[in-house]
C-alpha atoms as a PDB file:
ATOM      1  CA  MET A   1       0.000   0.000   0.000  1.00  0.00           C
ATOM      2  CA  LYS A   2       1.609   3.262  -1.116  1.00  0.00           C
ATOM      3  CA  MET A   3       0.725   6.495   0.573  1.00  0.00           C
ATOM      4  CA  TYR A   4       2.659   9.690   1.182  1.00  0.00           C
ATOM      5  CA  TYR A   5       2.298  13.387   1.919  1.00  0.00           C
ATOM      6  CA  LYS A   6       2.293  15.720  -1.064  1.00  0.00           C
ATOM      7  CA  MET A   7       2.506  18.841   1.133  1.00  0.00           C
ATOM      8  CA  PRO A   8       3.413  19.316   4.811  1.00  0.00           C
ATOM      9  CA  LEU A   9       0.513  18.390   7.078  1.00  0.00           C
ATOM     10  CA  SER A  10       1.211  20.204  10.299  1.00  0.00           C
ATOM     11  CA  LYS A  11      -0.550  19.524  13.565  1.00  0.00           C
ATOM     12  CA  GLU A  12      -2.089  22.975  13.216  1.00  0.00           C
ATOM     13  CA  ARG A  13      -3.727  22.044   9.908  1.00  0.00           C
ATOM     14  CA  LEU A  14      -4.897  18.676  11.194  1.00  0.00           C
ATOM     15  CA  ASP A  15      -6.329  20.204  14.376  1.00  0.00           C
ATOM     16  CA  LYS A  16      -8.544  22.508  12.293  1.00  0.00           C
ATOM     17  CA  ILE A  17     -10.384  19.590  10.676  1.00  0.00           C
ATOM     18  CA  LYS A  18     -14.002  19.271  11.832  1.00  0.00           C
ATOM     19  CA  ILE A  19     -15.736  18.101   8.632  1.00  0.00           C
ATOM     20  CA  LEU A  20     -14.931  14.813   6.881  1.00  0.00           C
ATOM     21  CA  ALA A  21     -16.361  14.758   3.351  1.00  0.00           C
ATOM     22  CA  PHE A  22     -16.401  11.505   1.410  1.00  0.00           C
ATOM     23  CA  ASP A  23     -17.067  10.764  -2.206  1.00  0.00           C
ATOM     24  CA  MET A  24     -18.948   7.470  -2.426  1.00  0.00           C
ATOM     25  CA  ASP A  25     -18.017   5.322  -5.413  1.00  0.00           C
ATOM     26  CA  ASP A  26     -14.438   4.010  -5.348  1.00  0.00           C
ATOM     27  CA  THR A  27     -13.670   6.161  -2.298  1.00  0.00           C
ATOM     28  CA  LEU A  28     -15.726   5.318   0.785  1.00  0.00           C
ATOM     29  CA  LEU A  29     -17.271   2.306  -0.995  1.00  0.00           C
ATOM     30  CA  ASP A  30     -15.360  -0.744  -2.210  1.00  0.00           C
ATOM     31  CA  GLY A  31     -15.336  -2.070  -5.766  1.00  0.00           C
ATOM     32  CA  HIS A  32     -18.685  -3.765  -5.206  1.00  0.00           C
ATOM     33  CA  GLY A  33     -20.296  -0.516  -4.097  1.00  0.00           C
ATOM     34  CA  LYS A  34     -20.421  -1.604  -0.448  1.00  0.00           C
ATOM     35  CA  LEU A  35     -19.358   0.116   2.773  1.00  0.00           C
ATOM     36  CA  SER A  36     -16.715  -2.092   4.370  1.00  0.00           C
ATOM     37  CA  ASP A  37     -16.785  -2.904   8.060  1.00  0.00           C
ATOM     38  CA  GLY A  38     -13.464  -1.108   8.504  1.00  0.00           C
ATOM     39  CA  ASN A  39     -14.614   2.141   6.910  1.00  0.00           C
ATOM     40  CA  LYS A  40     -17.958   1.984   8.705  1.00  0.00           C
ATOM     41  CA  ALA A  41     -16.272   1.594  12.076  1.00  0.00           C
ATOM     42  CA  ALA A  42     -13.895   4.467  11.278  1.00  0.00           C
ATOM     43  CA  ILE A  43     -16.602   6.978  10.383  1.00  0.00           C
ATOM     44  CA  MET A  44     -18.604   5.955  13.438  1.00  0.00           C
ATOM     45  CA  ARG A  45     -15.569   6.617  15.643  1.00  0.00           C
ATOM     46  CA  ALA A  46     -15.121   9.968  13.886  1.00  0.00           C
ATOM     47  CA  MET A  47     -18.663  11.020  14.720  1.00  0.00           C
ATOM     48  CA  GLU A  48     -18.220   9.895  18.313  1.00  0.00           C
ATOM     49  CA  LYS A  49     -15.232  12.263  18.471  1.00  0.00           C
ATOM     50  CA  GLY A  50     -17.378  15.145  17.198  1.00  0.00           C
ATOM     51  CA  TYR A  51     -16.483  15.254  13.500  1.00  0.00           C
ATOM     52  CA  HIS A  52     -19.215  16.001  10.963  1.00  0.00           C
ATOM     53  CA  VAL A  53     -19.319  13.145   8.418  1.00  0.00           C
ATOM     54  CA  VAL A  54     -20.634  14.344   5.056  1.00  0.00           C
ATOM     55  CA  ILE A  55     -21.524  12.403   1.920  1.00  0.00           C
ATOM     56  CA  ALA A  56     -20.263  14.255  -1.171  1.00  0.00           C
ATOM     57  CA  THR A  57     -21.349  12.496  -4.333  1.00  0.00           C
ATOM     58  CA  GLY A  58     -22.468  12.825  -7.916  1.00  0.00           C
ATOM     59  CA  ARG A  59     -25.426  10.612  -7.077  1.00  0.00           C
ATOM     60  CA  VAL A  60     -28.895  11.961  -6.350  1.00  0.00           C
ATOM     61  CA  LEU A  61     -30.328  11.484  -2.887  1.00  0.00           C
ATOM     62  CA  ALA A  62     -32.513   8.556  -3.942  1.00  0.00           C
ATOM     63  CA  ALA A  63     -29.452   6.654  -5.199  1.00  0.00           C
ATOM     64  CA  LEU A  64     -27.405   6.870  -2.001  1.00  0.00           C
ATOM     65  CA  PRO A  65     -26.335   3.446  -0.681  1.00  0.00           C
ATOM     66  CA  LYS A  66     -28.609   2.130   2.037  1.00  0.00           C
ATOM     67  CA  ASP A  67     -25.692   0.862   4.116  1.00  0.00           C
ATOM     68  CA  VAL A  68     -24.273   4.395   4.263  1.00  0.00           C
ATOM     69  CA  LEU A  69     -27.618   6.008   5.082  1.00  0.00           C
ATOM     70  CA  ALA A  70     -28.090   3.425   7.823  1.00  0.00           C
ATOM     71  CA  VAL A  71     -25.014   4.657   9.701  1.00  0.00           C
ATOM     72  CA  GLU A  72     -26.469   6.580  12.613  1.00  0.00           C
ATOM     73  CA  GLY A  73     -25.184  10.133  12.848  1.00  0.00           C
ATOM     74  CA  VAL A  74     -24.493  10.826   9.160  1.00  0.00           C
ATOM     75  CA  GLN A  75     -26.507  14.038   8.846  1.00  0.00           C
ATOM     76  CA  TYR A  76     -25.526  15.884   5.663  1.00  0.00           C
ATOM     77  CA  ALA A  77     -25.381  14.876   2.011  1.00  0.00           C
ATOM     78  CA  VAL A  78     -23.962  16.887  -0.884  1.00  0.00           C
ATOM     79  CA  THR A  79     -25.573  15.371  -3.987  1.00  0.00           C
ATOM     80  CA  SER A  80     -25.572  15.812  -7.784  1.00  0.00           C
ATOM     81  CA  ASN A  81     -21.974  17.094  -7.663  1.00  0.00           C
ATOM     82  CA  GLY A  82     -22.915  19.947  -5.352  1.00  0.00           C
ATOM     83  CA  ALA A  83     -26.312  20.946  -6.718  1.00  0.00           C
ATOM     84  CA  ARG A  84     -27.911  20.213  -3.353  1.00  0.00           C
ATOM     85  CA  ILE A  85     -27.156  19.905   0.333  1.00  0.00           C
ATOM     86  CA  THR A  86     -29.728  17.968   2.349  1.00  0.00           C
ATOM     87  CA  ASP A  87     -30.060  17.505   6.079  1.00  0.00           C
ATOM     88  CA  LEU A  88     -30.695  13.759   6.203  1.00  0.00           C
ATOM     89  CA  HIS A  89     -32.208  13.970   9.674  1.00  0.00           C
ATOM     90  CA  THR A  90     -34.917  16.468   8.753  1.00  0.00           C
ATOM     91  CA  GLY A  91     -35.113  16.194   4.957  1.00  0.00           C
ATOM     92  CA  LYS A  92     -34.573  19.954   4.704  1.00  0.00           C
ATOM     93  CA  ILE A  93     -32.706  21.278   1.652  1.00  0.00           C
ATOM     94  CA  LEU A  94     -30.010  23.574   3.027  1.00  0.00           C
ATOM     95  CA  PHE A  95     -28.537  24.733  -0.282  1.00  0.00           C
ATOM     96  CA  GLU A  96     -29.406  24.449  -3.964  1.00  0.00           C
ATOM     97  CA  ASN A  97     -27.603  25.451  -7.163  1.00  0.00           C
ATOM     98  CA  LEU A  98     -29.594  24.238 -10.172  1.00  0.00           C
ATOM     99  CA  ILE A  99     -29.008  24.595 -13.900  1.00  0.00           C
ATOM    100  CA  THR A 100     -30.953  27.592 -15.185  1.00  0.00           C
ATOM    101  CA  PRO A 101     -33.524  27.041 -17.958  1.00  0.00           C
ATOM    102  CA  GLU A 102     -31.377  29.236 -20.218  1.00  0.00           C
ATOM    103  CA  ALA A 103     -28.346  26.998 -19.611  1.00  0.00           C
ATOM    104  CA  VAL A 104     -30.440  23.888 -20.303  1.00  0.00           C
ATOM    105  CA  ASP A 105     -31.425  25.419 -23.642  1.00  0.00           C
ATOM    106  CA  ALA A 106     -27.771  26.208 -24.392  1.00  0.00           C
ATOM    107  CA  VAL A 107     -26.691  22.559 -24.074  1.00  0.00           C
ATOM    108  CA  LYS A 108     -29.629  21.109 -26.020  1.00  0.00           C
ATOM    109  CA  PRO A 109     -27.544  20.579 -29.203  1.00  0.00           C
ATOM    110  CA  TYR A 110     -25.682  17.866 -27.268  1.00  0.00           C
ATOM    111  CA  LEU A 111     -28.809  16.054 -26.099  1.00  0.00           C
ATOM    112  CA  HIS A 112     -30.065  14.554 -29.360  1.00  0.00           C
ATOM    113  CA  ASP A 113     -27.280  12.164 -30.421  1.00  0.00           C
ATOM    114  CA  GLU A 114     -28.561   8.575 -30.719  1.00  0.00           C
ATOM    115  CA  ASP A 115     -25.124   7.248 -29.742  1.00  0.00           C
ATOM    116  CA  VAL A 116     -25.244   9.141 -26.445  1.00  0.00           C
ATOM    117  CA  MET A 117     -27.402   8.192 -23.475  1.00  0.00           C
ATOM    118  CA  LEU A 118     -28.959  11.129 -21.625  1.00  0.00           C
ATOM    119  CA  GLU A 119     -29.886  11.047 -17.946  1.00  0.00           C
ATOM    120  CA  ILE A 120     -31.615  13.945 -16.214  1.00  0.00           C
ATOM    121  CA  PHE A 121     -31.421  14.599 -12.476  1.00  0.00           C
ATOM    122  CA  PHE A 122     -34.130  16.562 -10.676  1.00  0.00           C
ATOM    123  CA  ASP A 123     -36.054  16.402  -7.409  1.00  0.00           C
ATOM    124  CA  ASP A 124     -33.522  13.880  -6.062  1.00  0.00           C
ATOM    125  CA  ALA A 125     -34.260  11.296  -8.784  1.00  0.00           C
ATOM    126  CA  VAL A 126     -32.719  10.269 -12.131  1.00  0.00           C
ATOM    127  CA  TYR A 127     -34.639   9.610 -15.351  1.00  0.00           C
ATOM    128  CA  ALA A 128     -33.480   7.916 -18.556  1.00  0.00           C
ATOM    129  CA  ASP A 129     -35.015   6.870 -21.872  1.00  0.00           C
ATOM    130  CA  ARG A 130     -36.621   3.451 -21.557  1.00  0.00           C
ATOM    131  CA  LYS A 131     -35.122   2.179 -24.824  1.00  0.00           C
ATOM    132  CA  ASP A 132     -31.602   3.301 -23.858  1.00  0.00           C
ATOM    133  CA  LEU A 133     -31.807   1.260 -20.672  1.00  0.00           C
ATOM    134  CA  THR A 134     -32.292  -1.895 -22.755  1.00  0.00           C
ATOM    135  CA  HIS A 135     -28.873  -1.665 -24.446  1.00  0.00           C
ATOM    136  CA  LEU A 136     -26.481  -0.033 -21.983  1.00  0.00           C
ATOM    137  CA  ALA A 137     -23.452  -1.754 -23.478  1.00  0.00           C
ATOM    138  CA  ASP A 138     -23.839   0.368 -26.626  1.00  0.00           C
ATOM    139  CA  PHE A 139     -23.015   3.416 -24.507  1.00  0.00           C
ATOM    140  CA  GLY A 140     -19.966   1.861 -22.851  1.00  0.00           C
ATOM    141  CA  ARG A 141     -21.673   0.521 -19.736  1.00  0.00           C
ATOM    142  CA  THR A 142     -20.504  -3.064 -20.181  1.00  0.00           C
ATOM    143  CA  SER A 143     -19.756  -4.317 -16.674  1.00  0.00           C
ATOM    144  CA  GLU A 144     -22.362  -6.115 -14.619  1.00  0.00           C
ATOM    145  CA  LYS A 145     -21.754  -3.701 -11.729  1.00  0.00           C
ATOM    146  CA  SER A 146     -22.317  -0.556 -13.801  1.00  0.00           C
ATOM    147  CA  GLN A 147     -25.394  -1.966 -15.516  1.00  0.00           C
ATOM    148  CA  HIS A 148     -26.909  -3.065 -12.219  1.00  0.00           C
ATOM    149  CA  TYR A 149     -26.321   0.362 -10.718  1.00  0.00           C
ATOM    150  CA  VAL A 150     -27.972   2.166 -13.642  1.00  0.00           C
ATOM    151  CA  LEU A 151     -30.937  -0.181 -13.852  1.00  0.00           C
ATOM    152  CA  THR A 152     -31.662   0.021 -10.123  1.00  0.00           C
ATOM    153  CA  THR A 153     -31.317   3.808  -9.771  1.00  0.00           C
ATOM    154  CA  ARG A 154     -32.804   5.221 -13.006  1.00  0.00           C
ATOM    155  CA  GLN A 155     -36.498   5.702 -13.666  1.00  0.00           C
ATOM    156  CA  PRO A 156     -37.420   4.774 -17.260  1.00  0.00           C
ATOM    157  CA  VAL A 157     -39.582   7.168 -19.290  1.00  0.00           C
ATOM    158  CA  ASP A 158     -40.784   7.162 -22.885  1.00  0.00           C
ATOM    159  CA  ASP A 159     -40.290  10.868 -23.630  1.00  0.00           C
ATOM    160  CA  LEU A 160     -37.183  11.986 -21.795  1.00  0.00           C
ATOM    161  CA  LEU A 161     -36.700  15.242 -23.709  1.00  0.00           C
ATOM    162  CA  GLY A 162     -40.335  16.124 -23.108  1.00  0.00           C
ATOM    163  CA  LEU A 163     -39.854  15.503 -19.379  1.00  0.00           C
ATOM    164  CA  LEU A 164     -36.747  17.695 -19.478  1.00  0.00           C
ATOM    165  CA  GLU A 165     -38.656  20.519 -21.151  1.00  0.00           C
ATOM    166  CA  GLU A 166     -41.480  20.328 -18.612  1.00  0.00           C
ATOM    167  CA  ASN A 167     -39.038  20.492 -15.685  1.00  0.00           C
ATOM    168  CA  LYS A 168     -36.097  22.472 -17.018  1.00  0.00           C
ATOM    169  CA  ASP A 169     -36.274  24.927 -14.123  1.00  0.00           C
ATOM    170  CA  ARG A 170     -35.605  22.067 -11.672  1.00  0.00           C
ATOM    171  CA  MET A 171     -32.527  20.386 -13.187  1.00  0.00           C
ATOM    172  CA  GLU A 172     -29.759  19.392 -10.787  1.00  0.00           C
ATOM    173  CA  ASN A 173     -27.587  17.656 -13.373  1.00  0.00           C
ATOM    174  CA  LEU A 174     -27.552  16.364 -16.954  1.00  0.00           C
ATOM    175  CA  ASN A 175     -25.457  13.257 -17.559  1.00  0.00           C
ATOM    176  CA  LEU A 176     -24.227  12.197 -21.012  1.00  0.00           C
ATOM    177  CA  ILE A 177     -22.894   8.651 -21.371  1.00  0.00           C
ATOM    178  CA  MET A 178     -21.055   7.494 -24.485  1.00  0.00           C
ATOM    179  CA  ALA A 179     -18.647   4.804 -25.650  1.00  0.00           C
ATOM    180  CA  ASP A 180     -16.736   7.112 -28.026  1.00  0.00           C
ATOM    181  CA  ASP A 181     -13.959   8.602 -25.907  1.00  0.00           C
ATOM    182  CA  GLU A 182     -12.741  10.963 -28.627  1.00  0.00           C
ATOM    183  CA  LYS A 183     -16.215  12.457 -28.884  1.00  0.00           C
ATOM    184  CA  ARG A 184     -16.533  12.630 -25.092  1.00  0.00           C
ATOM    185  CA  LEU A 185     -13.309  14.584 -24.660  1.00  0.00           C
ATOM    186  CA  ARG A 186     -14.189  16.928 -27.532  1.00  0.00           C
ATOM    187  CA  TRP A 187     -17.681  17.549 -26.175  1.00  0.00           C
ATOM    188  CA  LEU A 188     -16.368  18.050 -22.641  1.00  0.00           C
ATOM    189  CA  SER A 189     -14.040  20.784 -23.885  1.00  0.00           C
ATOM    190  CA  GLU A 190     -16.854  22.442 -25.845  1.00  0.00           C
ATOM    191  CA  ILE A 191     -19.449  22.240 -23.074  1.00  0.00           C
ATOM    192  CA  LYS A 192     -17.046  23.766 -20.548  1.00  0.00           C
ATOM    193  CA  LYS A 193     -17.098  26.923 -22.688  1.00  0.00           C
ATOM    194  CA  ILE A 194     -20.892  27.304 -22.572  1.00  0.00           C
ATOM    195  CA  PRO A 195     -21.919  30.166 -20.249  1.00  0.00           C
ATOM    196  CA  GLY A 196     -23.891  29.192 -17.171  1.00  0.00           C
ATOM    197  CA  VAL A 197     -22.787  25.561 -16.848  1.00  0.00           C
ATOM    198  CA  THR A 198     -20.109  23.482 -15.163  1.00  0.00           C
ATOM    199  CA  ALA A 199     -18.944  20.263 -16.843  1.00  0.00           C
ATOM    200  CA  CYS A 200     -16.832  17.418 -15.491  1.00  0.00           C
ATOM    201  CA  SER A 201     -16.505  13.628 -15.574  1.00  0.00           C
ATOM    202  CA  SER A 202     -16.750  11.056 -12.793  1.00  0.00           C
ATOM    203  CA  THR A 203     -16.251   7.994 -15.022  1.00  0.00           C
ATOM    204  CA  PRO A 204     -14.311   7.451 -18.267  1.00  0.00           C
ATOM    205  CA  ASP A 205     -17.552   7.350 -20.282  1.00  0.00           C
ATOM    206  CA  ASN A 206     -19.541  10.345 -19.042  1.00  0.00           C
ATOM    207  CA  ILE A 207     -19.950  14.111 -19.004  1.00  0.00           C
ATOM    208  CA  GLU A 208     -21.803  15.611 -16.044  1.00  0.00           C
ATOM    209  CA  ILE A 209     -23.337  19.037 -16.623  1.00  0.00           C
ATOM    210  CA  GLY A 210     -24.292  21.210 -13.666  1.00  0.00           C
ATOM    211  CA  GLY A 211     -25.163  24.817 -13.048  1.00  0.00           C
ATOM    212  CA  LEU A 212     -22.799  27.779 -12.903  1.00  0.00           C
ATOM    213  CA  ASN A 213     -20.147  27.195 -10.203  1.00  0.00           C
ATOM    214  CA  THR A 214     -21.801  23.942  -9.199  1.00  0.00           C
ATOM    215  CA  SER A 215     -19.231  21.719  -7.513  1.00  0.00           C
ATOM    216  CA  LYS A 216     -18.789  19.585  -4.447  1.00  0.00           C
ATOM    217  CA  ALA A 217     -16.261  22.180  -3.293  1.00  0.00           C
ATOM    218  CA  ASP A 218     -18.683  25.113  -3.369  1.00  0.00           C
ATOM    219  CA  ALA A 219     -21.369  23.076  -1.630  1.00  0.00           C
ATOM    220  CA  LEU A 220     -18.992  21.945   1.115  1.00  0.00           C
ATOM    221  CA  ILE A 221     -17.869  25.520   1.716  1.00  0.00           C
ATOM    222  CA  GLU A 222     -21.547  26.519   1.998  1.00  0.00           C
ATOM    223  CA  LEU A 223     -22.118  23.689   4.484  1.00  0.00           C
ATOM    224  CA  ALA A 224     -19.068  24.693   6.493  1.00  0.00           C
ATOM    225  CA  ALA A 225     -20.416  28.258   6.753  1.00  0.00           C
ATOM    226  CA  TYR A 226     -23.797  26.858   7.839  1.00  0.00           C
ATOM    227  CA  LEU A 227     -21.988  25.022  10.634  1.00  0.00           C
ATOM    228  CA  GLY A 228     -20.025  28.142  11.607  1.00  0.00           C
ATOM    229  CA  LEU A 229     -16.778  26.843  10.089  1.00  0.00           C
ATOM    230  CA  ASP A 230     -14.618  27.581   7.045  1.00  0.00           C
ATOM    231  CA  LYS A 231     -12.965  25.610   4.253  1.00  0.00           C
ATOM    232  CA  ASP A 232      -9.873  24.931   6.377  1.00  0.00           C
ATOM    233  CA  SER A 233     -12.070  22.754   8.596  1.00  0.00           C
ATOM    234  CA  ILE A 234     -12.783  20.319   5.723  1.00  0.00           C
ATOM    235  CA  MET A 235     -10.898  17.118   4.924  1.00  0.00           C
ATOM    236  CA  ALA A 236     -12.198  15.841   1.583  1.00  0.00           C
ATOM    237  CA  PHE A 237     -11.664  12.363   0.118  1.00  0.00           C
ATOM    238  CA  GLY A 238     -12.106  11.521  -3.573  1.00  0.00           C
ATOM    239  CA  ASP A 239     -10.889   9.514  -6.551  1.00  0.00           C
ATOM    240  CA  SER A 240     -12.292  11.066  -9.754  1.00  0.00           C
ATOM    241  CA  SER A 241     -12.070  14.235 -11.818  1.00  0.00           C
ATOM    242  CA  ASN A 242     -15.318  15.557 -10.352  1.00  0.00           C
ATOM    243  CA  ASP A 243     -13.636  15.454  -6.920  1.00  0.00           C
ATOM    244  CA  GLU A 244     -10.715  17.668  -7.947  1.00  0.00           C
ATOM    245  CA  GLN A 245     -12.113  21.011  -6.792  1.00  0.00           C
ATOM    246  CA  MET A 246     -13.095  19.747  -3.339  1.00  0.00           C
ATOM    247  CA  VAL A 247      -9.712  18.086  -2.888  1.00  0.00           C
ATOM    248  CA  VAL A 248      -7.868  21.246  -3.947  1.00  0.00           C
ATOM    249  CA  ARG A 249     -10.003  23.772  -2.078  1.00  0.00           C
ATOM    250  CA  SER A 250     -10.522  21.934   1.220  1.00  0.00           C
ATOM    251  CA  GLY A 251      -8.262  22.339   4.214  1.00  0.00           C
ATOM    252  CA  ILE A 252      -6.787  18.921   3.472  1.00  0.00           C
ATOM    253  CA  GLY A 253      -7.470  17.025   0.244  1.00  0.00           C
ATOM    254  CA  VAL A 254      -7.037  13.256   0.156  1.00  0.00           C
ATOM    255  CA  ALA A 255      -6.801  11.213  -3.044  1.00  0.00           C
ATOM    256  CA  MET A 256      -7.365   7.484  -2.888  1.00  0.00           C
ATOM    257  CA  GLY A 257      -4.573   5.306  -4.229  1.00  0.00           C
ATOM    258  CA  ASN A 258      -6.916   4.260  -7.048  1.00  0.00           C
ATOM    259  CA  SER A 259      -7.535   7.884  -8.115  1.00  0.00           C
ATOM    260  CA  VAL A 260      -7.189   9.313 -11.607  1.00  0.00           C
ATOM    261  CA  PRO A 261      -3.676  10.734 -12.187  1.00  0.00           C
ATOM    262  CA  GLU A 262      -4.765  14.380 -12.131  1.00  0.00           C
ATOM    263  CA  LEU A 263      -6.170  13.971  -8.614  1.00  0.00           C
ATOM    264  CA  LEU A 264      -3.007  12.301  -7.354  1.00  0.00           C
ATOM    265  CA  ASP A 265      -1.061  15.313  -8.624  1.00  0.00           C
ATOM    266  CA  VAL A 266      -3.026  17.896  -6.620  1.00  0.00           C
ATOM    267  CA  ALA A 267      -3.871  16.065  -3.378  1.00  0.00           C
ATOM    268  CA  ASP A 268      -2.230  16.850  -0.045  1.00  0.00           C
ATOM    269  CA  TYR A 269      -2.159  13.166   0.842  1.00  0.00           C
ATOM    270  CA  ILE A 270      -2.492   9.890  -1.038  1.00  0.00           C
ATOM    271  CA  ALA A 271      -4.270   7.136   0.863  1.00  0.00           C
ATOM    272  CA  PRO A 272      -4.404   3.396   0.245  1.00  0.00           C
ATOM    273  CA  THR A 273      -7.022   2.317  -2.296  1.00  0.00           C
ATOM    274  CA  ASN A 274     -10.723   1.946  -1.643  1.00  0.00           C
ATOM    275  CA  GLU A 275     -10.218  -1.827  -1.665  1.00  0.00           C
ATOM    276  CA  ASP A 276      -7.692  -1.459   1.176  1.00  0.00           C
ATOM    277  CA  ASP A 277      -9.944   0.611   3.471  1.00  0.00           C
ATOM    278  CA  GLY A 278      -7.976   3.731   2.579  1.00  0.00           C
ATOM    279  CA  VAL A 279     -10.486   5.957   4.383  1.00  0.00           C
ATOM    280  CA  ALA A 280     -10.098   4.079   7.675  1.00  0.00           C
ATOM    281  CA  TYR A 281      -6.294   4.026   7.345  1.00  0.00           C
ATOM    282  CA  THR A 282      -6.126   7.779   6.723  1.00  0.00           C
ATOM    283  CA  LEU A 283      -8.434   8.707   9.574  1.00  0.00           C
ATOM    284  CA  GLU A 284      -6.355   6.597  11.946  1.00  0.00           C
ATOM    285  CA  HIS A 285      -2.938   7.784  10.786  1.00  0.00           C
ATOM    286  CA  LEU A 286      -3.707  11.467  10.295  1.00  0.00           C
ATOM    287  CA  LEU A 287      -6.373  12.165  12.913  1.00  0.00           C
ATOM    288  CA  GLY A 288      -5.903   9.339  15.399  1.00  0.00           C
ATOM    289  CA  ILE A 289      -9.425   8.063  14.831  1.00  0.00           C
END
C-alpha cells in the first residue's frame, strides 16, 4: 500500500479539521459498491469524536447506498456534484444550485445524439429513456456492476426530452454517457465553454453538466459556513475528476490510491485504495481516529 504526503501536514492544519467529506463510489465504498466494516467503524468513531461526516457524491439522494444512510449520525449529504445539500435527519434542503432554464437550452444541441445516453437529475431522482436502458453496453456501460447500478437507480420514461422541457427549471444535473472517448473529450471541452454551466466527468464514459459554479467544493464551503466553520475545517476524500475542486479547495485534500492521475497530482495526501480501506487508514494515521 503506497501512501505519502504531497505537502506538509502540520498539527495545526490537522487540528482545524471538523468536517470529513467523502465521495462514495471508489472512495468510501469498495469495488462492489459496499461500505466495508473497517470504513464503517472508522466513520462511526469519527462522529463519536465530534467530527461532521458528510456524503459528497455525484449521485442523487434517492441513489445513495442504504448501508451508508443506515449509519447513525451521518446528517448531511452533498448530492448531484454539489447541486444540493440535504439535512438527512430532517429532509430539509439547506442549499441548492440548479441549472438555469437558459443553460439547459444552451446545451440542447448535445442532447439529441442517438449514440449518447442522456440522464436527467431533478427532485432527487434520475430519469433515462426506456429504450436506452435496454442496451447499456452500446453506450460503454458493459460491466455487470455498472449496468446493475444504472438499472436500479434510473427511472425509465418514454419521452425523456419532453420531461426535461417540462421540468427544465428544476434540473440538478444532466449526464451524457457514451462509448466514443474521442467524442466525449471533444464535447467536454466544448461544453465547458458554454456560459452558465459546469462540466466534469466522474467515469471514463460520461460528461456531467451542472449549473454555474456547481461543484462539491462550493457546496462543502456553503455547508461549512452553515456550521459556523470555514474551508480549512474540511478534509475531503475523492478519486475522480469531479472530486478535484473539493480536494484542492478543502483544508486537506485526500486522493485514494486508485484515483485518476490528475487527482493524485493535486492532493495533499495519497491514501491506500478503496479496496484497502484507505479511508479508515487515513483517519487513523492522520487524525488518530
